[in-house]
Amino acid sequence: MNYQDPEVIKKVLNECRTIAVVGLSSSPMRPSNGVAAFMKKQGYKIIPVNPNESMVLGEKAFMNLSAVGEKIDLVDVFRRSEDAGAVVDEAIKIGAKAVWLQEGVIDEAAAKRAADAGLLVVMDRCWLKDYMKYAD
């Protein structure tokens, strides 16, 4: 299956306004921080999910997706490939609309589980780069 379909990418960028960023770091040196700061500037609602943080980019951080307690459109995954499956399973469980595995994060089995559960799936792509390329 193609998890880099430009039509799916455009749909996620345009329809998913509340984004849980799993692995979001408070360090400005980390890619997750730069991407999430950009998302926030574009008007997206950012929800940091990282058990090692309490606040990131002025937003309360949560231990995991289940702790968030509000509807999440997109789960953006900044974790190692071997950790992505558990995050995807939690995204399915909480009823997210979509999952986005960042550049270099590849888990075919997890992507298939998400797609089979009806989620939009983007894998091995950079949200920021695709926003610059595709956003309306």
C-alpha atoms as a PDB file:
ATOM      1  CA  MET A   1       0.000   0.000   0.000  1.00  0.00           C
ATOM      2  CA  ASN A   2       1.146   3.564  -0.719  1.00  0.00           C
ATOM      3  CA  TYR A   3       1.502   5.504   2.525  1.00  0.00           C
ATOM      4  CA  GLN A   4       2.880   8.531   0.665  1.00  0.00           C
ATOM      5  CA  ASP A   5      -0.179   9.304  -1.495  1.00  0.00           C
ATOM      6  CA  PRO A   6      -0.318  13.068  -2.192  1.00  0.00           C
ATOM      7  CA  GLU A   7      -4.137  13.025  -1.976  1.00  0.00           C
ATOM      8  CA  VAL A   8      -4.042  11.475   1.508  1.00  0.00           C
ATOM      9  CA  ILE A   9      -1.321  13.935   2.557  1.00  0.00           C
ATOM     10  CA  LYS A  10      -3.438  16.903   1.377  1.00  0.00           C
ATOM     11  CA  LYS A  11      -6.518  15.549   3.150  1.00  0.00           C
ATOM     12  CA  VAL A  12      -4.605  15.150   6.432  1.00  0.00           C
ATOM     13  CA  LEU A  13      -3.054  18.625   6.168  1.00  0.00           C
ATOM     14  CA  ASN A  14      -6.396  20.283   5.426  1.00  0.00           C
ATOM     15  CA  GLU A  15      -8.767  18.317   7.680  1.00  0.00           C
ATOM     16  CA  CYS A  16      -6.728  17.392  10.766  1.00  0.00           C
ATOM     17  CA  ARG A  17      -6.541  20.516  12.941  1.00  0.00           C
ATOM     18  CA  THR A  18      -5.859  18.994  16.389  1.00  0.00           C
ATOM     19  CA  ILE A  19      -2.514  17.220  16.370  1.00  0.00           C
ATOM     20  CA  ALA A  20      -1.014  15.084  19.117  1.00  0.00           C
ATOM     21  CA  VAL A  21       2.751  15.130  18.596  1.00  0.00           C
ATOM     22  CA  VAL A  22       4.136  11.961  20.183  1.00  0.00           C
ATOM     23  CA  GLY A  23       7.760  12.357  21.190  1.00  0.00           C
ATOM     24  CA  LEU A  24       7.586  16.170  21.144  1.00  0.00           C
ATOM     25  CA  SER A  25      10.662  17.563  22.883  1.00  0.00           C
ATOM     26  CA  SER A  26      11.074  20.944  24.578  1.00  0.00           C
ATOM     27  CA  SER A  27      14.578  21.160  23.079  1.00  0.00           C
ATOM     28  CA  PRO A  28      14.650  23.601  20.139  1.00  0.00           C
ATOM     29  CA  MET A  29      17.426  21.425  18.697  1.00  0.00           C
ATOM     30  CA  ARG A  30      15.057  18.485  18.133  1.00  0.00           C
ATOM     31  CA  PRO A  31      13.168  18.184  14.815  1.00  0.00           C
ATOM     32  CA  SER A  32       9.905  17.496  16.690  1.00  0.00           C
ATOM     33  CA  ASN A  33      10.121  20.920  18.340  1.00  0.00           C
ATOM     34  CA  GLY A  34      10.719  22.791  15.086  1.00  0.00           C
ATOM     35  CA  VAL A  35       7.932  20.995  13.235  1.00  0.00           C
ATOM     36  CA  ALA A  36       5.422  21.430  16.085  1.00  0.00           C
ATOM     37  CA  ALA A  37       6.316  25.123  16.510  1.00  0.00           C
ATOM     38  CA  PHE A  38       5.640  25.583  12.788  1.00  0.00           C
ATOM     39  CA  MET A  39       2.310  23.702  13.040  1.00  0.00           C
ATOM     40  CA  LYS A  40       1.253  25.953  15.910  1.00  0.00           C
ATOM     41  CA  LYS A  41       2.132  29.097  13.915  1.00  0.00           C
ATOM     42  CA  GLN A  42      -0.083  27.805  11.085  1.00  0.00           C
ATOM     43  CA  GLY A  43      -3.065  27.650  13.461  1.00  0.00           C
ATOM     44  CA  TYR A  44      -3.083  23.946  14.260  1.00  0.00           C
ATOM     45  CA  LYS A  45      -3.755  22.907  17.857  1.00  0.00           C
ATOM     46  CA  ILE A  46      -0.710  21.080  19.211  1.00  0.00           C
ATOM     47  CA  ILE A  47      -0.904  18.533  22.038  1.00  0.00           C
ATOM     48  CA  PRO A  48       2.521  17.372  23.267  1.00  0.00           C
ATOM     49  CA  VAL A  49       2.676  13.675  24.197  1.00  0.00           C
ATOM     50  CA  ASN A  50       5.896  12.847  26.019  1.00  0.00           C
ATOM     51  CA  PRO A  51       6.165  11.361  29.531  1.00  0.00           C
ATOM     52  CA  ASN A  52       9.461  13.228  30.037  1.00  0.00           C
ATOM     53  CA  GLU A  53       7.967  16.699  29.528  1.00  0.00           C
ATOM     54  CA  SER A  54       5.436  18.798  31.470  1.00  0.00           C
ATOM     55  CA  MET A  55       5.096  21.767  29.081  1.00  0.00           C
ATOM     56  CA  VAL A  56       6.227  22.148  25.479  1.00  0.00           C
ATOM     57  CA  LEU A  57       5.683  25.242  23.325  1.00  0.00           C
ATOM     58  CA  GLY A  58       3.383  26.613  26.024  1.00  0.00           C
ATOM     59  CA  GLU A  59       1.126  23.540  25.926  1.00  0.00           C
ATOM     60  CA  LYS A  60       0.566  20.960  28.698  1.00  0.00           C
ATOM     61  CA  ALA A  61       2.274  17.680  27.858  1.00  0.00           C
ATOM     62  CA  PHE A  62       0.614  14.299  28.424  1.00  0.00           C
ATOM     63  CA  MET A  63       2.062  10.887  29.363  1.00  0.00           C
ATOM     64  CA  ASN A  64       0.303   9.115  26.495  1.00  0.00           C
ATOM     65  CA  LEU A  65      -2.534   9.550  23.993  1.00  0.00           C
ATOM     66  CA  SER A  66      -5.140   8.041  26.313  1.00  0.00           C
ATOM     67  CA  ALA A  67      -4.414  10.739  28.933  1.00  0.00           C
ATOM     68  CA  VAL A  68      -5.257  13.608  26.568  1.00  0.00           C
ATOM     69  CA  GLY A  69      -9.016  13.505  27.115  1.00  0.00           C
ATOM     70  CA  GLU A  70     -10.067  15.377  23.978  1.00  0.00           C
ATOM     71  CA  LYS A  71     -10.646  14.467  20.342  1.00  0.00           C
ATOM     72  CA  ILE A  72      -7.416  14.116  18.369  1.00  0.00           C
ATOM     73  CA  ASP A  73      -7.498  14.358  14.585  1.00  0.00           C
ATOM     74  CA  LEU A  74      -3.905  13.452  13.821  1.00  0.00           C
ATOM     75  CA  VAL A  75      -1.263  11.545  15.765  1.00  0.00           C
ATOM     76  CA  ASP A  76       2.149  12.673  14.489  1.00  0.00           C
ATOM     77  CA  VAL A  77       4.834  10.188  15.536  1.00  0.00           C
ATOM     78  CA  PHE A  78       8.374  11.346  16.332  1.00  0.00           C
ATOM     79  CA  ARG A  79       9.565   8.038  17.808  1.00  0.00           C
ATOM     80  CA  ARG A  80      11.893   5.289  16.641  1.00  0.00           C
ATOM     81  CA  SER A  81      10.400   2.849  14.144  1.00  0.00           C
ATOM     82  CA  GLU A  82      10.408   0.061  16.747  1.00  0.00           C
ATOM     83  CA  ASP A  83       8.274   2.218  19.078  1.00  0.00           C
ATOM     84  CA  ALA A  84       5.805   3.363  16.421  1.00  0.00           C
ATOM     85  CA  GLY A  85       3.541   0.295  16.522  1.00  0.00           C
ATOM     86  CA  ALA A  86       2.441   0.843  20.122  1.00  0.00           C
ATOM     87  CA  VAL A  87       1.687   4.510  19.355  1.00  0.00           C
ATOM     88  CA  VAL A  88      -0.318   3.559  16.275  1.00  0.00           C
ATOM     89  CA  ASP A  89      -2.298   1.003  18.281  1.00  0.00           C
ATOM     90  CA  GLU A  90      -3.111   3.676  20.864  1.00  0.00           C
ATOM     91  CA  ALA A  91      -4.125   6.095  18.078  1.00  0.00           C
ATOM     92  CA  ILE A  92      -6.565   3.481  16.776  1.00  0.00           C
ATOM     93  CA  LYS A  93      -7.911   2.884  20.300  1.00  0.00           C
ATOM     94  CA  ILE A  94      -8.620   6.588  20.964  1.00  0.00           C
ATOM     95  CA  GLY A  95     -10.344   7.061  17.595  1.00  0.00           C
ATOM     96  CA  ALA A  96      -7.873   9.385  15.861  1.00  0.00           C
ATOM     97  CA  LYS A  97      -8.652  10.201  12.219  1.00  0.00           C
ATOM     98  CA  ALA A  98      -5.077   9.820  11.012  1.00  0.00           C
ATOM     99  CA  VAL A  99      -1.525   8.814  11.893  1.00  0.00           C
ATOM    100  CA  TRP A 100       1.621  10.350  10.451  1.00  0.00           C
ATOM    101  CA  LEU A 101       4.937   8.561  10.877  1.00  0.00           C
ATOM    102  CA  GLN A 102       7.675  11.143  10.385  1.00  0.00           C
ATOM    103  CA  GLU A 103      10.607  10.786   7.984  1.00  0.00           C
ATOM    104  CA  GLY A 104      12.612   7.694   8.855  1.00  0.00           C
ATOM    105  CA  VAL A 105       9.825   6.190  10.989  1.00  0.00           C
ATOM    106  CA  ILE A 106       8.745   3.024   9.185  1.00  0.00           C
ATOM    107  CA  ASP A 107       6.489   0.253  10.467  1.00  0.00           C
ATOM    108  CA  GLU A 108       4.558  -1.408   7.644  1.00  0.00           C
ATOM    109  CA  ALA A 109       2.548  -3.665   9.969  1.00  0.00           C
ATOM    110  CA  ALA A 110       1.445  -0.727  12.139  1.00  0.00           C
ATOM    111  CA  ALA A 111       0.551   1.348   9.075  1.00  0.00           C
ATOM    112  CA  LYS A 112      -1.572  -1.528   7.760  1.00  0.00           C
ATOM    113  CA  ARG A 113      -3.344  -1.912  11.136  1.00  0.00           C
ATOM    114  CA  ALA A 114      -4.178   1.796  11.107  1.00  0.00           C
ATOM    115  CA  ALA A 115      -5.400   1.725   7.494  1.00  0.00           C
ATOM    116  CA  ASP A 116      -7.470  -1.413   8.198  1.00  0.00           C
ATOM    117  CA  ALA A 117      -9.045   0.435  11.165  1.00  0.00           C
ATOM    118  CA  GLY A 118     -10.095   3.266   8.840  1.00  0.00           C
ATOM    119  CA  LEU A 119      -7.407   5.822   9.684  1.00  0.00           C
ATOM    120  CA  LEU A 120      -5.644   7.921   7.082  1.00  0.00           C
ATOM    121  CA  VAL A 121      -1.977   6.908   7.113  1.00  0.00           C
ATOM    122  CA  VAL A 122       1.162   8.751   6.039  1.00  0.00           C
ATOM    123  CA  MET A 123       4.535   7.094   6.639  1.00  0.00           C
ATOM    124  CA  ASP A 124       8.187   8.124   6.225  1.00  0.00           C
ATOM    125  CA  ARG A 125       7.306  11.751   5.350  1.00  0.00           C
ATOM    126  CA  CYS A 126       8.041  15.099   6.968  1.00  0.00           C
ATOM    127  CA  TRP A 127       4.857  16.968   7.954  1.00  0.00           C
ATOM    128  CA  LEU A 128       6.533  20.378   7.555  1.00  0.00           C
ATOM    129  CA  LYS A 129       8.014  19.624   4.116  1.00  0.00           C
ATOM    130  CA  ASP A 130       4.670  18.282   2.910  1.00  0.00           C
ATOM    131  CA  TYR A 131       2.841  21.295   4.358  1.00  0.00           C
ATOM    132  CA  MET A 132       5.129  23.574   2.336  1.00  0.00           C
ATOM    133  CA  LYS A 133       4.465  21.491  -0.781  1.00  0.00           C
ATOM    134  CA  TYR A 134       0.742  20.687  -0.527  1.00  0.00           C
ATOM    135  CA  ALA A 135      -1.190  22.880   1.913  1.00  0.00           C
ATOM    136  CA  ASP A 136      -3.963  25.055   0.498  1.00  0.00           C
END
